[in-house]
Amino acid sequence: QVLLVESGGGSVQAGGSLRLSCVASGDSRSRKLMGWFRQAPGKEREGVAAILTAVGSTYYADSVKGRFTLSQDNAKKTLYLQMNSLNPEDTAMYYCAAAIGWYGRWLRQDDYNYWGRGTQVTVSS
């Protein structure tokens, strides 16, 4: 069983930065892959970034490449998403997720077994 709790969301102006955190409980073997997803009002949830926790390999959606950076602190069981150069299109509820296994794909939502409640990010122009 894995519990995920996100934090760090808030309101910022375009061009600003935020760092999201996801604190996980449970055995690391139950979260081989972890990722961030987001959902804006009226839109489908989309993948943002993912990391293979054991080795630190990362993957980013094209929309956030060069702007967002994943990192982790295994001792604290915490995953971070540093978000820079934010724009209004980044406004969404951001969710942390964990997958027990990895099947060669990064942001397929059905692969993820556990989900946090989300943290709101609002970017104004």
C-alpha atoms as a PDB file:
ATOM      1  CA  GLN A   1       0.000   0.000   0.000  1.00  0.00           C
ATOM      2  CA  VAL A   2       1.314   3.424  -1.014  1.00  0.00           C
ATOM      3  CA  LEU A   3       0.033   6.792   0.118  1.00  0.00           C
ATOM      4  CA  LEU A   4       1.050   9.894  -1.830  1.00  0.00           C
ATOM      5  CA  VAL A   5       0.668  13.452  -0.579  1.00  0.00           C
ATOM      6  CA  GLU A   6       1.417  16.434  -2.812  1.00  0.00           C
ATOM      7  CA  SER A   7       2.241  19.955  -1.702  1.00  0.00           C
ATOM      8  CA  GLY A   8       3.825  23.124  -3.029  1.00  0.00           C
ATOM      9  CA  GLY A   9       1.101  24.355  -5.320  1.00  0.00           C
ATOM     10  CA  GLY A  10       0.031  27.960  -5.380  1.00  0.00           C
ATOM     11  CA  SER A  11      -0.535  31.033  -7.503  1.00  0.00           C
ATOM     12  CA  VAL A  12       2.275  32.661  -9.463  1.00  0.00           C
ATOM     13  CA  GLN A  13       2.677  35.086 -12.326  1.00  0.00           C
ATOM     14  CA  ALA A  14       3.765  33.975 -15.770  1.00  0.00           C
ATOM     15  CA  GLY A  15       7.498  33.405 -15.852  1.00  0.00           C
ATOM     16  CA  GLY A  16       7.610  32.435 -12.209  1.00  0.00           C
ATOM     17  CA  SER A  17       8.586  29.189 -10.538  1.00  0.00           C
ATOM     18  CA  LEU A  18       7.162  26.641  -8.143  1.00  0.00           C
ATOM     19  CA  ARG A  19       8.458  23.419  -6.659  1.00  0.00           C
ATOM     20  CA  LEU A  20       6.000  20.635  -6.018  1.00  0.00           C
ATOM     21  CA  SER A  21       6.660  17.865  -3.533  1.00  0.00           C
ATOM     22  CA  CYS A  22       5.235  14.380  -3.253  1.00  0.00           C
ATOM     23  CA  VAL A  23       5.814  12.473  -0.035  1.00  0.00           C
ATOM     24  CA  ALA A  24       5.312   8.742  -0.346  1.00  0.00           C
ATOM     25  CA  SER A  25       4.651   6.039   2.195  1.00  0.00           C
ATOM     26  CA  GLY A  26       5.156   2.328   1.728  1.00  0.00           C
ATOM     27  CA  ASP A  27       7.909   0.169   0.313  1.00  0.00           C
ATOM     28  CA  SER A  28       9.933   1.587  -2.542  1.00  0.00           C
ATOM     29  CA  ARG A  29       9.396  -1.691  -4.361  1.00  0.00           C
ATOM     30  CA  SER A  30       5.799  -0.600  -4.801  1.00  0.00           C
ATOM     31  CA  ARG A  31       6.828   2.578  -6.590  1.00  0.00           C
ATOM     32  CA  LYS A  32       9.310   1.585  -9.248  1.00  0.00           C
ATOM     33  CA  LEU A  33       8.032   4.366 -11.464  1.00  0.00           C
ATOM     34  CA  MET A  34       6.703   7.687 -10.231  1.00  0.00           C
ATOM     35  CA  GLY A  35       5.228  10.512 -12.200  1.00  0.00           C
ATOM     36  CA  TRP A  36       3.415  13.798 -12.255  1.00  0.00           C
ATOM     37  CA  PHE A  37       0.196  14.343 -14.139  1.00  0.00           C
ATOM     38  CA  ARG A  38      -1.997  17.395 -14.433  1.00  0.00           C
ATOM     39  CA  GLN A  39      -5.565  18.223 -15.290  1.00  0.00           C
ATOM     40  CA  ALA A  40      -6.968  21.609 -16.193  1.00  0.00           C
ATOM     41  CA  PRO A  41     -10.709  22.343 -15.946  1.00  0.00           C
ATOM     42  CA  GLY A  42     -12.551  20.920 -18.927  1.00  0.00           C
ATOM     43  CA  LYS A  43      -9.513  19.013 -20.170  1.00  0.00           C
ATOM     44  CA  GLU A  44      -8.292  15.456 -19.878  1.00  0.00           C
ATOM     45  CA  ARG A  45      -5.551  14.556 -17.462  1.00  0.00           C
ATOM     46  CA  GLU A  46      -2.147  14.542 -19.134  1.00  0.00           C
ATOM     47  CA  GLY A  47       1.281  13.255 -18.242  1.00  0.00           C
ATOM     48  CA  VAL A  48       3.953  15.745 -17.247  1.00  0.00           C
ATOM     49  CA  ALA A  49       7.066  13.866 -16.169  1.00  0.00           C
ATOM     50  CA  ALA A  50       8.161  10.518 -14.767  1.00  0.00           C
ATOM     51  CA  ILE A  51      11.151   8.944 -13.058  1.00  0.00           C
ATOM     52  CA  LEU A  52      12.442   5.426 -12.488  1.00  0.00           C
ATOM     53  CA  THR A  53      13.105   5.731  -8.794  1.00  0.00           C
ATOM     54  CA  ALA A  54      15.855   3.141  -8.491  1.00  0.00           C
ATOM     55  CA  VAL A  55      18.118   4.688 -11.107  1.00  0.00           C
ATOM     56  CA  GLY A  56      16.884   8.252 -11.483  1.00  0.00           C
ATOM     57  CA  SER A  57      16.155   8.097 -15.206  1.00  0.00           C
ATOM     58  CA  THR A  58      13.602  10.724 -16.171  1.00  0.00           C
ATOM     59  CA  TYR A  59      11.172  11.494 -18.945  1.00  0.00           C
ATOM     60  CA  TYR A  60       9.378  14.738 -19.743  1.00  0.00           C
ATOM     61  CA  ALA A  61       6.418  15.585 -21.872  1.00  0.00           C
ATOM     62  CA  ASP A  62       7.293  17.855 -24.787  1.00  0.00           C
ATOM     63  CA  SER A  63       5.223  20.657 -23.303  1.00  0.00           C
ATOM     64  CA  VAL A  64       7.470  20.925 -20.243  1.00  0.00           C
ATOM     65  CA  LYS A  65      10.901  19.905 -21.532  1.00  0.00           C
ATOM     66  CA  GLY A  66      13.518  22.443 -20.594  1.00  0.00           C
ATOM     67  CA  ARG A  67      11.251  24.056 -18.022  1.00  0.00           C
ATOM     68  CA  PHE A  68      10.424  21.331 -15.502  1.00  0.00           C
ATOM     69  CA  THR A  69      12.889  19.125 -13.650  1.00  0.00           C
ATOM     70  CA  LEU A  70      12.282  15.987 -11.601  1.00  0.00           C
ATOM     71  CA  SER A  71      14.379  15.024  -8.611  1.00  0.00           C
ATOM     72  CA  GLN A  72      14.021  12.747  -5.625  1.00  0.00           C
ATOM     73  CA  ASP A  73      15.219  12.289  -2.076  1.00  0.00           C
ATOM     74  CA  ASN A  74      14.970   8.588  -1.373  1.00  0.00           C
ATOM     75  CA  ALA A  75      15.775   8.993   2.324  1.00  0.00           C
ATOM     76  CA  LYS A  76      12.774  11.287   2.676  1.00  0.00           C
ATOM     77  CA  LYS A  77      10.683   9.254   0.238  1.00  0.00           C
ATOM     78  CA  THR A  78       9.975  12.485  -1.563  1.00  0.00           C
ATOM     79  CA  LEU A  79       9.658  13.322  -5.236  1.00  0.00           C
ATOM     80  CA  TYR A  80      10.043  16.895  -6.448  1.00  0.00           C
ATOM     81  CA  LEU A  81       8.975  18.740  -9.553  1.00  0.00           C
ATOM     82  CA  GLN A  82      10.779  22.017 -10.093  1.00  0.00           C
ATOM     83  CA  MET A  83       8.710  24.143 -12.454  1.00  0.00           C
ATOM     84  CA  ASN A  84      10.315  27.173 -14.078  1.00  0.00           C
ATOM     85  CA  SER A  85       9.160  29.622 -16.734  1.00  0.00           C
ATOM     86  CA  LEU A  86       5.561  28.890 -15.901  1.00  0.00           C
ATOM     87  CA  ASN A  87       2.854  30.067 -18.253  1.00  0.00           C
ATOM     88  CA  PRO A  88      -0.949  30.151 -17.956  1.00  0.00           C
ATOM     89  CA  GLU A  89      -1.174  26.877 -19.892  1.00  0.00           C
ATOM     90  CA  ASP A  90       0.481  25.189 -16.911  1.00  0.00           C
ATOM     91  CA  THR A  91      -2.510  26.013 -14.728  1.00  0.00           C
ATOM     92  CA  ALA A  92      -3.948  22.722 -13.505  1.00  0.00           C
ATOM     93  CA  MET A  93      -4.356  20.359 -10.615  1.00  0.00           C
ATOM     94  CA  TYR A  94      -1.108  18.424 -10.386  1.00  0.00           C
ATOM     95  CA  TYR A  95      -1.174  14.809  -9.260  1.00  0.00           C
ATOM     96  CA  CYS A  96       1.619  12.577  -8.065  1.00  0.00           C
ATOM     97  CA  ALA A  97       1.389   8.911  -9.021  1.00  0.00           C
ATOM     98  CA  ALA A  98       3.328   5.690  -8.454  1.00  0.00           C
ATOM     99  CA  ALA A  99       3.547   2.464 -10.412  1.00  0.00           C
ATOM    100  CA  ILE A 100       4.584  -0.919  -9.068  1.00  0.00           C
ATOM    101  CA  GLY A 101       6.143  -1.968 -12.342  1.00  0.00           C
ATOM    102  CA  TRP A 102       7.577  -0.428 -15.485  1.00  0.00           C
ATOM    103  CA  TYR A 103       6.859  -1.674 -18.970  1.00  0.00           C
ATOM    104  CA  GLY A 104       9.000   0.540 -21.134  1.00  0.00           C
ATOM    105  CA  ARG A 105       6.578   3.442 -21.222  1.00  0.00           C
ATOM    106  CA  TRP A 106       6.548   6.544 -19.097  1.00  0.00           C
ATOM    107  CA  LEU A 107       3.226   8.344 -18.893  1.00  0.00           C
ATOM    108  CA  ARG A 108       0.540   5.811 -19.577  1.00  0.00           C
ATOM    109  CA  GLN A 109      -1.949   6.533 -16.833  1.00  0.00           C
ATOM    110  CA  ASP A 110      -3.271   2.987 -16.549  1.00  0.00           C
ATOM    111  CA  ASP A 111       0.221   1.852 -15.554  1.00  0.00           C
ATOM    112  CA  TYR A 112       0.039   3.805 -12.325  1.00  0.00           C
ATOM    113  CA  ASN A 113      -1.380   2.085  -9.260  1.00  0.00           C
ATOM    114  CA  TYR A 114      -1.449   4.878  -6.700  1.00  0.00           C
ATOM    115  CA  TRP A 115      -2.502   8.504  -6.929  1.00  0.00           C
ATOM    116  CA  GLY A 116      -2.356  11.499  -4.644  1.00  0.00           C
ATOM    117  CA  ARG A 117      -5.183  13.956  -4.141  1.00  0.00           C
ATOM    118  CA  GLY A 118      -3.433  16.705  -6.064  1.00  0.00           C
ATOM    119  CA  THR A 119      -2.149  20.216  -5.517  1.00  0.00           C
ATOM    120  CA  GLN A 120      -3.415  23.245  -7.421  1.00  0.00           C
ATOM    121  CA  VAL A 121      -1.110  25.356  -9.583  1.00  0.00           C
ATOM    122  CA  THR A 122      -2.429  28.625 -10.969  1.00  0.00           C
ATOM    123  CA  VAL A 123      -0.384  30.805 -13.314  1.00  0.00           C
ATOM    124  CA  SER A 124      -1.626  34.275 -14.202  1.00  0.00           C
ATOM    125  CA  SER A 125      -0.480  36.500 -17.053  1.00  0.00           C
END
